[in-house]
């Protein structure tokens, strides 16, 4: 099965980089790298199986297809 492509807006990339920098500054690079690994693993999972996760119930119509995936830092291997 072919994986789907995920495209990021400039704002999304800026948010990811800003979160990494904030985590590194406040909690250290080890935690920031673990968070980055978790984001990467989640995005790869979504690319392979776009329907993964539980549907969210938001009132806004444009968020109707939003899903959530539970991740724990302990599930991410240390770098």
PDB file of N, CA and C in Angstrom:
ATOM      1  N   UNK A   1       0.845  -1.173   0.000  1.00  0.00           N
ATOM      2  CA  UNK A   1       0.000   0.000   0.000  1.00  0.00           C
ATOM      3  C   UNK A   1       0.895   1.243   0.000  1.00  0.00           C
ATOM      4  N   UNK A   2       0.545   2.211  -0.799  1.00  0.00           N
ATOM      5  CA  UNK A   2       1.315   3.434  -0.936  1.00  0.00           C
ATOM      6  C   UNK A   2       0.926   4.425   0.164  1.00  0.00           C
ATOM      7  N   UNK A   3       1.942   5.045   0.774  1.00  0.00           N
ATOM      8  CA  UNK A   3       1.679   6.042   1.813  1.00  0.00           C
ATOM      9  C   UNK A   3       1.188   7.335   1.170  1.00  0.00           C
ATOM     10  N   UNK A   4       0.348   8.037   1.871  1.00  0.00           N
ATOM     11  CA  UNK A   4      -0.140   9.330   1.413  1.00  0.00           C
ATOM     12  C   UNK A   4       0.928  10.385   1.666  1.00  0.00           C
ATOM     13  N   UNK A   5       0.786  11.500   1.017  1.00  0.00           N
ATOM     14  CA  UNK A   5       1.713  12.617   1.173  1.00  0.00           C
ATOM     15  C   UNK A   5       1.119  13.596   2.184  1.00  0.00           C
ATOM     16  N   UNK A   6       1.970  14.116   3.051  1.00  0.00           N
ATOM     17  CA  UNK A   6       1.541  15.137   4.008  1.00  0.00           C
ATOM     18  C   UNK A   6       2.237  16.436   3.631  1.00  0.00           C
ATOM     19  N   UNK A   7       1.478  17.493   3.477  1.00  0.00           N
ATOM     20  CA  UNK A   7       2.027  18.808   3.152  1.00  0.00           C
ATOM     21  C   UNK A   7       1.843  19.729   4.356  1.00  0.00           C
ATOM     22  N   UNK A   8       2.850  20.550   4.612  1.00  0.00           N
ATOM     23  CA  UNK A   8       2.818  21.472   5.744  1.00  0.00           C
ATOM     24  C   UNK A   8       2.775  22.910   5.250  1.00  0.00           C
ATOM     25  N   UNK A   9       1.947  23.701   5.883  1.00  0.00           N
ATOM     26  CA  UNK A   9       1.959  25.137   5.595  1.00  0.00           C
ATOM     27  C   UNK A   9       3.179  25.747   6.284  1.00  0.00           C
ATOM     28  N   UNK A  10       3.550  26.946   5.858  1.00  0.00           N
ATOM     29  CA  UNK A  10       4.661  27.643   6.509  1.00  0.00           C
ATOM     30  C   UNK A  10       4.362  27.858   7.992  1.00  0.00           C
ATOM     31  N   UNK A  11       3.107  28.157   8.310  1.00  0.00           N
ATOM     32  CA  UNK A  11       2.718  28.383   9.710  1.00  0.00           C
ATOM     33  C   UNK A  11       2.868  27.108  10.532  1.00  0.00           C
ATOM     34  N   UNK A  12       2.507  25.959   9.959  1.00  0.00           N
ATOM     35  CA  UNK A  12       2.646  24.688  10.683  1.00  0.00           C
ATOM     36  C   UNK A  12       4.115  24.390  10.956  1.00  0.00           C
ATOM     37  N   UNK A  13       4.965  24.592   9.959  1.00  0.00           N
ATOM     38  CA  UNK A  13       6.399  24.352  10.154  1.00  0.00           C
ATOM     39  C   UNK A  13       6.961  25.286  11.220  1.00  0.00           C
ATOM     40  N   UNK A  14       6.550  26.544  11.176  1.00  0.00           N
ATOM     41  CA  UNK A  14       7.015  27.507  12.175  1.00  0.00           C
ATOM     42  C   UNK A  14       6.574  27.086  13.575  1.00  0.00           C
ATOM     43  N   UNK A  15       5.347  26.588  13.717  1.00  0.00           N
ATOM     44  CA  UNK A  15       4.849  26.125  15.019  1.00  0.00           C
ATOM     45  C   UNK A  15       5.670  24.948  15.541  1.00  0.00           C
ATOM     46  N   UNK A  16       5.973  23.999  14.667  1.00  0.00           N
ATOM     47  CA  UNK A  16       6.753  22.823  15.073  1.00  0.00           C
ATOM     48  C   UNK A  16       8.148  23.242  15.522  1.00  0.00           C
ATOM     49  N   UNK A  17       8.802  24.098  14.740  1.00  0.00           N
ATOM     50  CA  UNK A  17      10.149  24.554  15.092  1.00  0.00           C
ATOM     51  C   UNK A  17      10.143  25.384  16.372  1.00  0.00           C
ATOM     52  N   UNK A  18       9.130  26.223  16.526  1.00  0.00           N
ATOM     53  CA  UNK A  18       9.020  27.045  17.735  1.00  0.00           C
ATOM     54  C   UNK A  18       8.811  26.170  18.977  1.00  0.00           C
ATOM     55  N   UNK A  19       7.984  25.134  18.860  1.00  0.00           N
ATOM     56  CA  UNK A  19       7.755  24.236  19.996  1.00  0.00           C
ATOM     57  C   UNK A  19       9.032  23.503  20.373  1.00  0.00           C
ATOM     58  N   UNK A  20       9.781  23.031  19.365  1.00  0.00           N
ATOM     59  CA  UNK A  20      11.049  22.356  19.633  1.00  0.00           C
ATOM     60  C   UNK A  20      11.991  23.294  20.386  1.00  0.00           C
ATOM     61  N   UNK A  21      12.130  24.526  19.897  1.00  0.00           N
ATOM     62  CA  UNK A  21      13.019  25.496  20.545  1.00  0.00           C
ATOM     63  C   UNK A  21      12.577  25.790  21.972  1.00  0.00           C
ATOM     64  N   UNK A  22      11.262  25.939  22.186  1.00  0.00           N
ATOM     65  CA  UNK A  22      10.746  26.226  23.528  1.00  0.00           C
ATOM     66  C   UNK A  22      11.055  25.064  24.464  1.00  0.00           C
ATOM     67  N   UNK A  23      10.774  23.839  24.014  1.00  0.00           N
ATOM     68  CA  UNK A  23      11.066  22.658  24.837  1.00  0.00           C
ATOM     69  C   UNK A  23      12.550  22.565  25.158  1.00  0.00           C
ATOM     70  N   UNK A  24      13.392  22.791  24.158  1.00  0.00           N
ATOM     71  CA  UNK A  24      14.840  22.714  24.368  1.00  0.00           C
ATOM     72  C   UNK A  24      15.289  23.750  25.386  1.00  0.00           C
ATOM     73  N   UNK A  25      14.729  24.950  25.306  1.00  0.00           N
ATOM     74  CA  UNK A  25      15.093  26.025  26.225  1.00  0.00           C
ATOM     75  C   UNK A  25      14.597  25.752  27.643  1.00  0.00           C
ATOM     76  N   UNK A  26      13.365  25.279  27.775  1.00  0.00           N
ATOM     77  CA  UNK A  26      12.752  25.092  29.095  1.00  0.00           C
ATOM     78  C   UNK A  26      13.083  23.752  29.745  1.00  0.00           C
ATOM     79  N   UNK A  27      13.209  22.698  28.942  1.00  0.00           N
ATOM     80  CA  UNK A  27      13.362  21.355  29.519  1.00  0.00           C
ATOM     81  C   UNK A  27      14.591  20.600  29.016  1.00  0.00           C
ATOM     82  N   UNK A  28      15.305  21.179  28.071  1.00  0.00           N
ATOM     83  CA  UNK A  28      16.520  20.539  27.573  1.00  0.00           C
ATOM     84  C   UNK A  28      16.326  19.880  26.213  1.00  0.00           C
ATOM     85  N   UNK A  29      17.448  19.711  25.524  1.00  0.00           N
ATOM     86  CA  UNK A  29      17.408  19.154  24.169  1.00  0.00           C
ATOM     87  C   UNK A  29      16.955  17.697  24.147  1.00  0.00           C
ATOM     88  N   UNK A  30      17.209  16.948  25.220  1.00  0.00           N
ATOM     89  CA  UNK A  30      16.793  15.542  25.235  1.00  0.00           C
ATOM     90  C   UNK A  30      15.279  15.438  25.107  1.00  0.00           C
ATOM     91  N   UNK A  31      14.561  16.213  25.907  1.00  0.00           N
ATOM     92  CA  UNK A  31      13.100  16.189  25.821  1.00  0.00           C
ATOM     93  C   UNK A  31      12.634  16.714  24.470  1.00  0.00           C
ATOM     94  N   UNK A  32      13.256  17.780  23.990  1.00  0.00           N
ATOM     95  CA  UNK A  32      12.860  18.348  22.698  1.00  0.00           C
ATOM     96  C   UNK A  32      13.039  17.324  21.579  1.00  0.00           C
ATOM     97  N   UNK A  33      14.114  16.561  21.619  1.00  0.00           N
ATOM     98  CA  UNK A  33      14.340  15.531  20.599  1.00  0.00           C
ATOM     99  C   UNK A  33      13.329  14.395  20.732  1.00  0.00           C
ATOM    100  N   UNK A  34      12.961  14.048  21.947  1.00  0.00           N
ATOM    101  CA  UNK A  34      11.932  13.018  22.143  1.00  0.00           C
ATOM    102  C   UNK A  34      10.590  13.502  21.596  1.00  0.00           C
ATOM    103  N   UNK A  35      10.267  14.768  21.838  1.00  0.00           N
ATOM    104  CA  UNK A  35       9.029  15.337  21.307  1.00  0.00           C
ATOM    105  C   UNK A  35       9.061  15.319  19.783  1.00  0.00           C
ATOM    106  N   UNK A  36      10.189  15.720  19.202  1.00  0.00           N
ATOM    107  CA  UNK A  36      10.328  15.727  17.746  1.00  0.00           C
ATOM    108  C   UNK A  36      10.168  14.313  17.177  1.00  0.00           C
ATOM    109  N   UNK A  37      10.747  13.323  17.852  1.00  0.00           N
ATOM    110  CA  UNK A  37      10.601  11.930  17.416  1.00  0.00           C
ATOM    111  C   UNK A  37       9.137  11.495  17.481  1.00  0.00           C
ATOM    112  N   UNK A  38       8.422  11.948  18.499  1.00  0.00           N
ATOM    113  CA  UNK A  38       7.001  11.625  18.623  1.00  0.00           C
ATOM    114  C   UNK A  38       6.171  12.248  17.519  1.00  0.00           C
ATOM    115  N   UNK A  39       6.467  13.496  17.191  1.00  0.00           N
ATOM    116  CA  UNK A  39       5.764  14.172  16.093  1.00  0.00           C
ATOM    117  C   UNK A  39       6.030  13.441  14.784  1.00  0.00           C
ATOM    118  N   UNK A  40       7.293  13.101  14.547  1.00  0.00           N
ATOM    119  CA  UNK A  40       7.663  12.394  13.315  1.00  0.00           C
ATOM    120  C   UNK A  40       6.963  11.043  13.229  1.00  0.00           C
ATOM    121  N   UNK A  41       6.976  10.275  14.318  1.00  0.00           N
ATOM    122  CA  UNK A  41       6.329   8.957  14.325  1.00  0.00           C
ATOM    123  C   UNK A  41       4.829   9.076  14.069  1.00  0.00           C
ATOM    124  N   UNK A  42       4.211  10.077  14.659  1.00  0.00           N
ATOM    125  CA  UNK A  42       2.776  10.280  14.473  1.00  0.00           C
ATOM    126  C   UNK A  42       2.457  10.648  13.031  1.00  0.00           C
ATOM    127  N   UNK A  43       3.251  11.533  12.445  1.00  0.00           N
ATOM    128  CA  UNK A  43       3.019  11.930  11.056  1.00  0.00           C
ATOM    129  C   UNK A  43       3.224  10.765  10.097  1.00  0.00           C
ATOM    130  N   UNK A  44       4.221   9.930  10.359  1.00  0.00           N
ATOM    131  CA  UNK A  44       4.426   8.745   9.521  1.00  0.00           C
ATOM    132  C   UNK A  44       3.246   7.786   9.640  1.00  0.00           C
ATOM    133  N   UNK A  45       2.720   7.640  10.855  1.00  0.00           N
ATOM    134  CA  UNK A  45       1.558   6.778  11.073  1.00  0.00           C
ATOM    135  C   UNK A  45       0.344   7.318  10.311  1.00  0.00           C
ATOM    136  N   UNK A  46       0.153   8.621  10.346  1.00  0.00           N
ATOM    137  CA  UNK A  46      -0.969   9.240   9.632  1.00  0.00           C
ATOM    138  C   UNK A  46      -0.803   9.073   8.123  1.00  0.00           C
ATOM    139  N   UNK A  47       0.425   9.221   7.626  1.00  0.00           N
ATOM    140  CA  UNK A  47       0.671   9.070   6.186  1.00  0.00           C
ATOM    141  C   UNK A  47       0.361   7.648   5.724  1.00  0.00           C
ATOM    142  N   UNK A  48       0.675   6.670   6.564  1.00  0.00           N
ATOM    143  CA  UNK A  48       0.419   5.271   6.212  1.00  0.00           C
ATOM    144  C   UNK A  48      -1.057   4.911   6.344  1.00  0.00           C
ATOM    145  N   UNK A  49      -1.710   5.464   7.364  1.00  0.00           N
ATOM    146  CA  UNK A  49      -3.113   5.129   7.641  1.00  0.00           C
ATOM    147  C   UNK A  49      -3.883   6.408   7.971  1.00  0.00           C
ATOM    148  N   UNK A  50      -4.325   7.151   6.960  1.00  0.00           N
ATOM    149  CA  UNK A  50      -4.976   8.447   7.195  1.00  0.00           C
ATOM    150  C   UNK A  50      -6.207   8.392   8.099  1.00  0.00           C
ATOM    151  N   UNK A  51      -6.861   7.268   8.195  1.00  0.00           N
ATOM    152  CA  UNK A  51      -8.058   7.173   9.030  1.00  0.00           C
ATOM    153  C   UNK A  51      -7.778   6.784  10.465  1.00  0.00           C
ATOM    154  N   UNK A  52      -6.506   6.702  10.854  1.00  0.00           N
ATOM    155  CA  UNK A  52      -6.152   6.283  12.200  1.00  0.00           C
ATOM    156  C   UNK A  52      -6.605   7.337  13.218  1.00  0.00           C
ATOM    157  N   UNK A  53      -6.915   6.897  14.404  1.00  0.00           N
ATOM    158  CA  UNK A  53      -7.286   7.815  15.469  1.00  0.00           C
ATOM    159  C   UNK A  53      -8.789   7.932  15.652  1.00  0.00           C
ATOM    160  N   UNK A  54      -9.149   8.493  16.774  1.00  0.00           N
ATOM    161  CA  UNK A  54     -10.563   8.691  17.108  1.00  0.00           C
ATOM    162  C   UNK A  54     -11.052  10.017  16.548  1.00  0.00           C
ATOM    163  N   UNK A  55     -12.248  10.040  15.992  1.00  0.00           N
ATOM    164  CA  UNK A  55     -12.791  11.305  15.492  1.00  0.00           C
ATOM    165  C   UNK A  55     -13.022  12.288  16.646  1.00  0.00           C
ATOM    166  N   UNK A  56     -12.732  13.553  16.384  1.00  0.00           N
ATOM    167  CA  UNK A  56     -13.008  14.615  17.352  1.00  0.00           C
ATOM    168  C   UNK A  56     -14.383  15.197  17.046  1.00  0.00           C
ATOM    169  N   UNK A  57     -15.018  15.746  18.040  1.00  0.00           N
ATOM    170  CA  UNK A  57     -16.341  16.343  17.855  1.00  0.00           C
ATOM    171  C   UNK A  57     -16.261  17.840  18.126  1.00  0.00           C
ATOM    172  N   UNK A  58     -15.870  18.583  17.091  1.00  0.00           N
ATOM    173  CA  UNK A  58     -15.805  20.030  17.193  1.00  0.00           C
ATOM    174  C   UNK A  58     -17.065  20.631  16.586  1.00  0.00           C
ATOM    175  N   UNK A  59     -17.455  21.787  17.060  1.00  0.00           N
ATOM    176  CA  UNK A  59     -18.626  22.455  16.517  1.00  0.00           C
ATOM    177  C   UNK A  59     -18.384  23.068  15.143  1.00  0.00           C
ATOM    178  N   UNK A  60     -17.138  23.437  14.859  1.00  0.00           N
ATOM    179  CA  UNK A  60     -16.812  24.080  13.586  1.00  0.00           C
ATOM    180  C   UNK A  60     -16.805  23.057  12.452  1.00  0.00           C
ATOM    181  N   UNK A  61     -17.552  23.346  11.406  1.00  0.00           N
ATOM    182  CA  UNK A  61     -17.694  22.418  10.280  1.00  0.00           C
ATOM    183  C   UNK A  61     -16.354  22.107   9.612  1.00  0.00           C
ATOM    184  N   UNK A  62     -15.466  23.104   9.518  1.00  0.00           N
ATOM    185  CA  UNK A  62     -14.178  22.900   8.848  1.00  0.00           C
ATOM    186  C   UNK A  62     -13.253  21.941   9.606  1.00  0.00           C
ATOM    187  N   UNK A  63     -13.581  21.615  10.840  1.00  0.00           N
ATOM    188  CA  UNK A  63     -12.791  20.668  11.633  1.00  0.00           C
ATOM    189  C   UNK A  63     -13.446  19.292  11.699  1.00  0.00           C
ATOM    190  N   UNK A  64     -14.427  19.062  10.857  1.00  0.00           N
ATOM    191  CA  UNK A  64     -15.211  17.832  10.894  1.00  0.00           C
ATOM    192  C   UNK A  64     -14.428  16.547  10.696  1.00  0.00           C
ATOM    193  N   UNK A  65     -13.322  16.594   9.951  1.00  0.00           N
ATOM    194  CA  UNK A  65     -12.529  15.385   9.699  1.00  0.00           C
ATOM    195  C   UNK A  65     -11.333  15.250  10.640  1.00  0.00           C
ATOM    196  N   UNK A  66     -11.278  16.069  11.683  1.00  0.00           N
ATOM    197  CA  UNK A  66     -10.150  16.039  12.610  1.00  0.00           C
ATOM    198  C   UNK A  66     -10.182  14.771  13.458  1.00  0.00           C
ATOM    199  N   UNK A  67      -9.008  14.166  13.630  1.00  0.00           N
ATOM    200  CA  UNK A  67      -8.870  12.968  14.458  1.00  0.00           C
ATOM    201  C   UNK A  67      -7.771  13.205  15.486  1.00  0.00           C
ATOM    202  N   UNK A  68      -7.759  12.383  16.529  1.00  0.00           N
ATOM    203  CA  UNK A  68      -6.713  12.512  17.549  1.00  0.00           C
ATOM    204  C   UNK A  68      -6.073  11.148  17.785  1.00  0.00           C
ATOM    205  N   UNK A  69      -4.796  11.211  18.100  1.00  0.00           N
ATOM    206  CA  UNK A  69      -4.027  10.004  18.410  1.00  0.00           C
ATOM    207  C   UNK A  69      -3.340  10.244  19.741  1.00  0.00           C
ATOM    208  N   UNK A  70      -3.518   9.347  20.660  1.00  0.00           N
ATOM    209  CA  UNK A  70      -2.887   9.474  21.971  1.00  0.00           C
ATOM    210  C   UNK A  70      -1.451   8.979  21.883  1.00  0.00           C
ATOM    211  N   UNK A  71      -0.536   9.770  22.357  1.00  0.00           N
ATOM    212  CA  UNK A  71       0.878   9.405  22.399  1.00  0.00           C
ATOM    213  C   UNK A  71       1.405   9.717  23.792  1.00  0.00           C
ATOM    214  N   UNK A  72       2.283   8.881  24.251  1.00  0.00           N
ATOM    215  CA  UNK A  72       2.960   9.137  25.525  1.00  0.00           C
ATOM    216  C   UNK A  72       4.442   9.275  25.243  1.00  0.00           C
ATOM    217  N   UNK A  73       5.071  10.192  25.948  1.00  0.00           N
ATOM    218  CA  UNK A  73       6.516  10.378  25.786  1.00  0.00           C
ATOM    219  C   UNK A  73       7.243   9.060  26.040  1.00  0.00           C
ATOM    220  N   UNK A  74       6.762   8.260  26.981  1.00  0.00           N
ATOM    221  CA  UNK A  74       7.433   6.994  27.308  1.00  0.00           C
ATOM    222  C   UNK A  74       7.389   6.009  26.141  1.00  0.00           C
ATOM    223  N   UNK A  75       6.487   6.224  25.168  1.00  0.00           N
ATOM    224  CA  UNK A  75       6.411   5.344  24.005  1.00  0.00           C
ATOM    225  C   UNK A  75       7.501   5.663  22.985  1.00  0.00           C
ATOM    226  N   UNK A  76       8.146   6.796  23.147  1.00  0.00           N
ATOM    227  CA  UNK A  76       9.169   7.234  22.210  1.00  0.00           C
ATOM    228  C   UNK A  76      10.527   6.815  22.761  1.00  0.00           C
ATOM    229  N   UNK A  77      11.324   6.165  21.948  1.00  0.00           N
ATOM    230  CA  UNK A  77      12.635   5.714  22.428  1.00  0.00           C
ATOM    231  C   UNK A  77      13.552   6.906  22.662  1.00  0.00           C
ATOM    232  N   UNK A  78      14.400   6.798  23.659  1.00  0.00           N
ATOM    233  CA  UNK A  78      15.381   7.846  23.937  1.00  0.00           C
ATOM    234  C   UNK A  78      16.375   7.933  22.791  1.00  0.00           C
ATOM    235  N   UNK A  79      16.828   9.150  22.528  1.00  0.00           N
ATOM    236  CA  UNK A  79      17.802   9.353  21.451  1.00  0.00           C
ATOM    237  C   UNK A  79      19.195   9.429  22.016  1.00  0.00           C
TER     238      UNK A  79
END
